[in-house]
Amino acid sequence: MKRFRYTLHNIVGHPLMEIFSLLGMTKLANKIHDKTLPPGKK
């Protein structure tokens, strides 16, 4: 459903990105963020 296409990204991707960024793992944080984007949004 179009309505939920960003749900995984918002619920999982953003929090994990923030945690890894705070730990100084910026590359991994960005990779997680990008991998949780809906198809066609990268």
Protein backbone atom coordinates (compact mmCIF):
# COMPACT_ATOMS: atom_id res chain seq x y z
CA MET A 1 0.00 0.00 0.00
CA LYS A 2 1.22 3.46 -0.86
CA ARG A 3 0.12 4.71 2.51
CA PHE A 4 2.64 2.57 4.39
CA ARG A 5 5.60 2.70 2.01
CA TYR A 6 7.72 4.78 4.43
CA THR A 7 6.68 2.93 7.60
CA LEU A 8 9.77 0.68 7.81
CA HIS A 9 11.99 3.61 6.95
CA ASN A 10 10.49 5.87 9.62
CA ILE A 11 10.10 3.31 12.40
CA VAL A 12 13.35 1.37 11.88
CA GLY A 13 15.64 3.35 9.59
CA HIS A 14 15.61 6.69 11.36
CA PRO A 15 16.04 5.43 14.94
CA LEU A 16 18.86 3.06 13.95
CA MET A 17 20.49 5.79 11.92
CA GLU A 18 20.45 8.09 14.95
CA ILE A 19 21.90 5.45 17.26
CA PHE A 20 24.75 4.56 14.91
CA SER A 21 25.44 8.23 14.24
CA LEU A 22 25.75 8.89 17.96
CA LEU A 23 28.19 5.98 18.21
CA GLY A 24 30.33 7.55 15.49
CA MET A 25 29.39 4.99 12.83
CA THR A 26 28.19 7.48 10.25
CA LYS A 27 28.81 5.28 7.19
CA LEU A 28 26.77 2.45 8.66
CA ALA A 29 24.07 4.91 9.76
CA ASN A 30 23.74 6.27 6.23
CA LYS A 31 23.70 2.77 4.74
CA ILE A 32 20.87 1.69 7.06
CA HIS A 33 18.95 4.86 6.25
CA ASP A 34 19.30 4.33 2.51
CA LYS A 35 18.49 0.60 2.61
CA THR A 36 15.18 1.21 4.38
CA LEU A 37 13.94 3.71 1.80
CA PRO A 38 11.07 2.44 -0.37
CA PRO A 39 12.06 1.13 -3.83
CA GLY A 40 12.74 3.88 -6.33
CA LYS A 41 13.45 6.54 -3.67
CA LYS A 42 17.25 6.23 -3.48
